[in-house]
Amino acid sequence: MTEQEADEFTTALSERYVEIQKYNSHNKELLNTWNDAIDTLPPDIKHNFVEKYNRLTRESSS
């Protein structure tokens, strides 16, 4: 995976994860599945995901 592909992947993943949390907070099984999948990401991709996710959650709470 190129750096650009990894960036696009983590951007899409973090945006979708925010939506899943927002609209499916009652669905613990779905959230657990996403959390499990995120935990298996390679460290560099997981780090980028976490940074983007944190930025999105800060922006949405402003």
PDB file of N, CA and C in Angstrom:
ATOM      1  N   MET A   1       0.854  -1.166   0.000  1.00  0.00           N
ATOM      2  CA  MET A   1       0.000   0.000   0.000  1.00  0.00           C
ATOM      3  C   MET A   1       0.904   1.235   0.000  1.00  0.00           C
ATOM      4  N   THR A   2       0.616   2.147  -0.906  1.00  0.00           N
ATOM      5  CA  THR A   2       1.403   3.374  -0.961  1.00  0.00           C
ATOM      6  C   THR A   2       1.006   4.293   0.198  1.00  0.00           C
ATOM      7  N   GLU A   3       1.808   5.309   0.422  1.00  0.00           N
ATOM      8  CA  GLU A   3       1.511   6.265   1.485  1.00  0.00           C
ATOM      9  C   GLU A   3       0.195   6.987   1.205  1.00  0.00           C
ATOM     10  N   GLN A   4      -0.041   7.324  -0.048  1.00  0.00           N
ATOM     11  CA  GLN A   4      -1.291   7.998  -0.416  1.00  0.00           C
ATOM     12  C   GLN A   4      -2.483   7.069  -0.201  1.00  0.00           C
ATOM     13  N   GLU A   5      -2.353   5.814  -0.581  1.00  0.00           N
ATOM     14  CA  GLU A   5      -3.440   4.852  -0.364  1.00  0.00           C
ATOM     15  C   GLU A   5      -3.717   4.668   1.122  1.00  0.00           C
ATOM     16  N   ALA A   6      -2.669   4.593   1.913  1.00  0.00           N
ATOM     17  CA  ALA A   6      -2.835   4.454   3.359  1.00  0.00           C
ATOM     18  C   ALA A   6      -3.537   5.671   3.939  1.00  0.00           C
ATOM     19  N   ASP A   7      -3.174   6.854   3.453  1.00  0.00           N
ATOM     20  CA  ASP A   7      -3.807   8.079   3.913  1.00  0.00           C
ATOM     21  C   ASP A   7      -5.292   8.097   3.552  1.00  0.00           C
ATOM     22  N   GLU A   8      -5.609   7.742   2.330  1.00  0.00           N
ATOM     23  CA  GLU A   8      -7.007   7.698   1.893  1.00  0.00           C
ATOM     24  C   GLU A   8      -7.795   6.652   2.689  1.00  0.00           C
ATOM     25  N   PHE A   9      -7.173   5.507   2.942  1.00  0.00           N
ATOM     26  CA  PHE A   9      -7.817   4.443   3.699  1.00  0.00           C
ATOM     27  C   PHE A   9      -8.128   4.899   5.122  1.00  0.00           C
ATOM     28  N   THR A  10      -7.142   5.489   5.797  1.00  0.00           N
ATOM     29  CA  THR A  10      -7.376   5.900   7.180  1.00  0.00           C
ATOM     30  C   THR A  10      -8.365   7.058   7.263  1.00  0.00           C
ATOM     31  N   THR A  11      -8.378   7.921   6.261  1.00  0.00           N
ATOM     32  CA  THR A  11      -9.365   9.003   6.234  1.00  0.00           C
ATOM     33  C   THR A  11     -10.776   8.427   6.125  1.00  0.00           C
ATOM     34  N   ALA A  12     -10.978   7.543   5.174  1.00  0.00           N
ATOM     35  CA  ALA A  12     -12.294   6.929   4.990  1.00  0.00           C
ATOM     36  C   ALA A  12     -12.701   6.116   6.211  1.00  0.00           C
ATOM     37  N   LEU A  13     -11.771   5.370   6.771  1.00  0.00           N
ATOM     38  CA  LEU A  13     -12.061   4.536   7.929  1.00  0.00           C
ATOM     39  C   LEU A  13     -12.453   5.394   9.127  1.00  0.00           C
ATOM     40  N   SER A  14     -11.722   6.464   9.378  1.00  0.00           N
ATOM     41  CA  SER A  14     -12.043   7.306  10.533  1.00  0.00           C
ATOM     42  C   SER A  14     -13.382   8.013  10.346  1.00  0.00           C
ATOM     43  N   GLU A  15     -13.670   8.480   9.133  1.00  0.00           N
ATOM     44  CA  GLU A  15     -14.959   9.133   8.869  1.00  0.00           C
ATOM     45  C   GLU A  15     -16.108   8.155   9.081  1.00  0.00           C
ATOM     46  N   ARG A  16     -15.943   6.952   8.595  1.00  0.00           N
ATOM     47  CA  ARG A  16     -17.006   5.946   8.747  1.00  0.00           C
ATOM     48  C   ARG A  16     -17.176   5.536  10.204  1.00  0.00           C
ATOM     49  N   TYR A  17     -16.070   5.429  10.932  1.00  0.00           N
ATOM     50  CA  TYR A  17     -16.137   5.036  12.337  1.00  0.00           C
ATOM     51  C   TYR A  17     -16.884   6.085  13.162  1.00  0.00           C
ATOM     52  N   VAL A  18     -16.659   7.357  12.863  1.00  0.00           N
ATOM     53  CA  VAL A  18     -17.387   8.421  13.555  1.00  0.00           C
ATOM     54  C   VAL A  18     -18.886   8.290  13.278  1.00  0.00           C
ATOM     55  N   GLU A  19     -19.244   8.013  12.022  1.00  0.00           N
ATOM     56  CA  GLU A  19     -20.661   7.824  11.670  1.00  0.00           C
ATOM     57  C   GLU A  19     -21.251   6.622  12.399  1.00  0.00           C
ATOM     58  N   ILE A  20     -20.499   5.538  12.429  1.00  0.00           N
ATOM     59  CA  ILE A  20     -20.983   4.317  13.110  1.00  0.00           C
ATOM     60  C   ILE A  20     -21.241   4.626  14.582  1.00  0.00           C
ATOM     61  N   GLN A  21     -20.324   5.315  15.226  1.00  0.00           N
ATOM     62  CA  GLN A  21     -20.508   5.638  16.638  1.00  0.00           C
ATOM     63  C   GLN A  21     -21.697   6.566  16.847  1.00  0.00           C
ATOM     64  N   LYS A  22     -21.872   7.502  15.939  1.00  0.00           N
ATOM     65  CA  LYS A  22     -22.955   8.475  16.076  1.00  0.00           C
ATOM     66  C   LYS A  22     -24.334   7.835  15.897  1.00  0.00           C
ATOM     67  N   TYR A  23     -24.468   7.017  14.868  1.00  0.00           N
ATOM     68  CA  TYR A  23     -25.793   6.490  14.528  1.00  0.00           C
ATOM     69  C   TYR A  23     -26.070   5.082  15.051  1.00  0.00           C
ATOM     70  N   ASN A  24     -25.062   4.424  15.578  1.00  0.00           N
ATOM     71  CA  ASN A  24     -25.250   3.056  16.052  1.00  0.00           C
ATOM     72  C   ASN A  24     -24.716   2.855  17.460  1.00  0.00           C
ATOM     73  N   SER A  25     -24.752   3.895  18.265  1.00  0.00           N
ATOM     74  CA  SER A  25     -24.204   3.794  19.610  1.00  0.00           C
ATOM     75  C   SER A  25     -24.924   2.733  20.441  1.00  0.00           C
ATOM     76  N   HIS A  26     -26.138   2.403  20.081  1.00  0.00           N
ATOM     77  CA  HIS A  26     -26.911   1.379  20.784  1.00  0.00           C
ATOM     78  C   HIS A  26     -26.492  -0.039  20.372  1.00  0.00           C
ATOM     79  N   ASN A  27     -25.797  -0.170  19.265  1.00  0.00           N
ATOM     80  CA  ASN A  27     -25.425  -1.478  18.726  1.00  0.00           C
ATOM     81  C   ASN A  27     -24.013  -1.847  19.174  1.00  0.00           C
ATOM     82  N   LYS A  28     -23.922  -2.407  20.385  1.00  0.00           N
ATOM     83  CA  LYS A  28     -22.613  -2.724  20.969  1.00  0.00           C
ATOM     84  C   LYS A  28     -21.867  -3.782  20.171  1.00  0.00           C
ATOM     85  N   GLU A  29     -22.575  -4.716  19.582  1.00  0.00           N
ATOM     86  CA  GLU A  29     -21.908  -5.757  18.793  1.00  0.00           C
ATOM     87  C   GLU A  29     -21.205  -5.155  17.580  1.00  0.00           C
ATOM     88  N   LEU A  30     -21.859  -4.232  16.895  1.00  0.00           N
ATOM     89  CA  LEU A  30     -21.250  -3.572  15.751  1.00  0.00           C
ATOM     90  C   LEU A  30     -20.029  -2.759  16.178  1.00  0.00           C
ATOM     91  N   LEU A  31     -20.152  -2.009  17.267  1.00  0.00           N
ATOM     92  CA  LEU A  31     -19.024  -1.221  17.760  1.00  0.00           C
ATOM     93  C   LEU A  31     -17.857  -2.113  18.172  1.00  0.00           C
ATOM     94  N   ASN A  32     -18.146  -3.231  18.814  1.00  0.00           N
ATOM     95  CA  ASN A  32     -17.089  -4.158  19.212  1.00  0.00           C
ATOM     96  C   ASN A  32     -16.384  -4.747  17.997  1.00  0.00           C
ATOM     97  N   THR A  33     -17.137  -5.053  16.953  1.00  0.00           N
ATOM     98  CA  THR A  33     -16.538  -5.583  15.725  1.00  0.00           C
ATOM     99  C   THR A  33     -15.594  -4.556  15.110  1.00  0.00           C
ATOM    100  N   TRP A  34     -16.032  -3.309  15.045  1.00  0.00           N
ATOM    101  CA  TRP A  34     -15.169  -2.245  14.521  1.00  0.00           C
ATOM    102  C   TRP A  34     -13.929  -2.085  15.392  1.00  0.00           C
ATOM    103  N   ASN A  35     -14.094  -2.069  16.700  1.00  0.00           N
ATOM    104  CA  ASN A  35     -12.950  -1.924  17.602  1.00  0.00           C
ATOM    105  C   ASN A  35     -11.961  -3.071  17.419  1.00  0.00           C
ATOM    106  N   ASP A  36     -12.471  -4.286  17.279  1.00  0.00           N
ATOM    107  CA  ASP A  36     -11.605  -5.443  17.059  1.00  0.00           C
ATOM    108  C   ASP A  36     -10.832  -5.307  15.745  1.00  0.00           C
ATOM    109  N   ALA A  37     -11.514  -4.858  14.705  1.00  0.00           N
ATOM    110  CA  ALA A  37     -10.857  -4.690  13.405  1.00  0.00           C
ATOM    111  C   ALA A  37      -9.790  -3.597  13.478  1.00  0.00           C
ATOM    112  N   ILE A  38     -10.088  -2.515  14.139  1.00  0.00           N
ATOM    113  CA  ILE A  38      -9.126  -1.418  14.275  1.00  0.00           C
ATOM    114  C   ILE A  38      -7.897  -1.880  15.048  1.00  0.00           C
ATOM    115  N   ASP A  39      -8.108  -2.704  16.059  1.00  0.00           N
ATOM    116  CA  ASP A  39      -6.984  -3.220  16.853  1.00  0.00           C
ATOM    117  C   ASP A  39      -6.027  -4.072  16.035  1.00  0.00           C
ATOM    118  N   THR A  40      -6.483  -4.624  14.922  1.00  0.00           N
ATOM    119  CA  THR A  40      -5.632  -5.492  14.108  1.00  0.00           C
ATOM    120  C   THR A  40      -4.881  -4.748  13.003  1.00  0.00           C
ATOM    121  N   LEU A  41      -5.110  -3.445  12.886  1.00  0.00           N
ATOM    122  CA  LEU A  41      -4.423  -2.659  11.853  1.00  0.00           C
ATOM    123  C   LEU A  41      -2.922  -2.629  12.128  1.00  0.00           C
ATOM    124  N   PRO A  42      -2.124  -2.560  11.079  1.00  0.00           N
ATOM    125  CA  PRO A  42      -0.685  -2.373  11.277  1.00  0.00           C
ATOM    126  C   PRO A  42      -0.443  -1.079  12.066  1.00  0.00           C
ATOM    127  N   PRO A  43       0.600  -1.035  12.877  1.00  0.00           N
ATOM    128  CA  PRO A  43       0.823   0.112  13.770  1.00  0.00           C
ATOM    129  C   PRO A  43       0.824   1.480  13.085  1.00  0.00           C
ATOM    130  N   ASP A  44       1.451   1.606  11.929  1.00  0.00           N
ATOM    131  CA  ASP A  44       1.488   2.912  11.269  1.00  0.00           C
ATOM    132  C   ASP A  44       0.113   3.343  10.786  1.00  0.00           C
ATOM    133  N   ILE A  45      -0.644   2.413  10.271  1.00  0.00           N
ATOM    134  CA  ILE A  45      -1.999   2.732   9.803  1.00  0.00           C
ATOM    135  C   ILE A  45      -2.907   3.025  10.996  1.00  0.00           C
ATOM    136  N   LYS A  46      -2.768   2.241  12.058  1.00  0.00           N
ATOM    137  CA  LYS A  46      -3.577   2.477  13.256  1.00  0.00           C
ATOM    138  C   LYS A  46      -3.268   3.860  13.833  1.00  0.00           C
ATOM    139  N   HIS A  47      -2.001   4.234  13.861  1.00  0.00           N
ATOM    140  CA  HIS A  47      -1.607   5.543  14.369  1.00  0.00           C
ATOM    141  C   HIS A  47      -2.260   6.663  13.547  1.00  0.00           C
ATOM    142  N   ASN A  48      -2.209   6.552  12.232  1.00  0.00           N
ATOM    143  CA  ASN A  48      -2.850   7.550  11.362  1.00  0.00           C
ATOM    144  C   ASN A  48      -4.351   7.585  11.568  1.00  0.00           C
ATOM    145  N   PHE A  49      -4.961   6.417  11.717  1.00  0.00           N
ATOM    146  CA  PHE A  49      -6.400   6.351  11.985  1.00  0.00           C
ATOM    147  C   PHE A  49      -6.734   7.083  13.277  1.00  0.00           C
ATOM    148  N   VAL A  50      -5.997   6.796  14.333  1.00  0.00           N
ATOM    149  CA  VAL A  50      -6.271   7.402  15.639  1.00  0.00           C
ATOM    150  C   VAL A  50      -6.128   8.925  15.561  1.00  0.00           C
ATOM    151  N   GLU A  51      -5.107   9.411  14.886  1.00  0.00           N
ATOM    152  CA  GLU A  51      -4.932  10.856  14.729  1.00  0.00           C
ATOM    153  C   GLU A  51      -6.128  11.478  14.003  1.00  0.00           C
ATOM    154  N   LYS A  52      -6.544  10.865  12.923  1.00  0.00           N
ATOM    155  CA  LYS A  52      -7.664  11.407  12.145  1.00  0.00           C
ATOM    156  C   LYS A  52      -8.976  11.299  12.915  1.00  0.00           C
ATOM    157  N   TYR A  53      -9.170  10.189  13.594  1.00  0.00           N
ATOM    158  CA  TYR A  53     -10.373   9.998  14.390  1.00  0.00           C
ATOM    159  C   TYR A  53     -10.447  11.060  15.500  1.00  0.00           C
ATOM    160  N   ASN A  54      -9.348  11.269  16.196  1.00  0.00           N
ATOM    161  CA  ASN A  54      -9.325  12.271  17.268  1.00  0.00           C
ATOM    162  C   ASN A  54      -9.618  13.660  16.725  1.00  0.00           C
ATOM    163  N   ARG A  55      -9.061  13.989  15.566  1.00  0.00           N
ATOM    164  CA  ARG A  55      -9.315  15.299  14.960  1.00  0.00           C
ATOM    165  C   ARG A  55     -10.804  15.442  14.607  1.00  0.00           C
ATOM    166  N   LEU A  56     -11.378  14.395  14.030  1.00  0.00           N
ATOM    167  CA  LEU A  56     -12.790  14.443  13.649  1.00  0.00           C
ATOM    168  C   LEU A  56     -13.694  14.590  14.872  1.00  0.00           C
ATOM    169  N   THR A  57     -13.382  13.891  15.943  1.00  0.00           N
ATOM    170  CA  THR A  57     -14.225  13.986  17.127  1.00  0.00           C
ATOM    171  C   THR A  57     -14.089  15.356  17.791  1.00  0.00           C
ATOM    172  N   ARG A  58     -12.882  15.948  17.746  1.00  0.00           N
ATOM    173  CA  ARG A  58     -12.717  17.309  18.272  1.00  0.00           C
ATOM    174  C   ARG A  58     -13.522  18.306  17.434  1.00  0.00           C
ATOM    175  N   GLU A  59     -13.447  18.146  16.118  1.00  0.00           N
ATOM    176  CA  GLU A  59     -14.159  19.060  15.225  1.00  0.00           C
ATOM    177  C   GLU A  59     -15.668  18.945  15.397  1.00  0.00           C
ATOM    178  N   SER A  60     -16.158  17.739  15.587  1.00  0.00           N
ATOM    179  CA  SER A  60     -17.603  17.555  15.702  1.00  0.00           C
ATOM    180  C   SER A  60     -18.143  18.019  17.051  1.00  0.00           C
ATOM    181  N   SER A  61     -17.287  18.108  18.061  1.00  0.00           N
ATOM    182  CA  SER A  61     -17.745  18.572  19.359  1.00  0.00           C
ATOM    183  C   SER A  61     -17.608  20.079  19.512  1.00  0.00           C
ATOM    184  N   SER A  62     -17.020  20.732  18.519  1.00  0.00           N
ATOM    185  CA  SER A  62     -16.846  22.204  18.582  1.00  0.00           C
ATOM    186  C   SER A  62     -18.088  22.919  18.144  1.00  0.00           C
TER     187      SER A  62
END
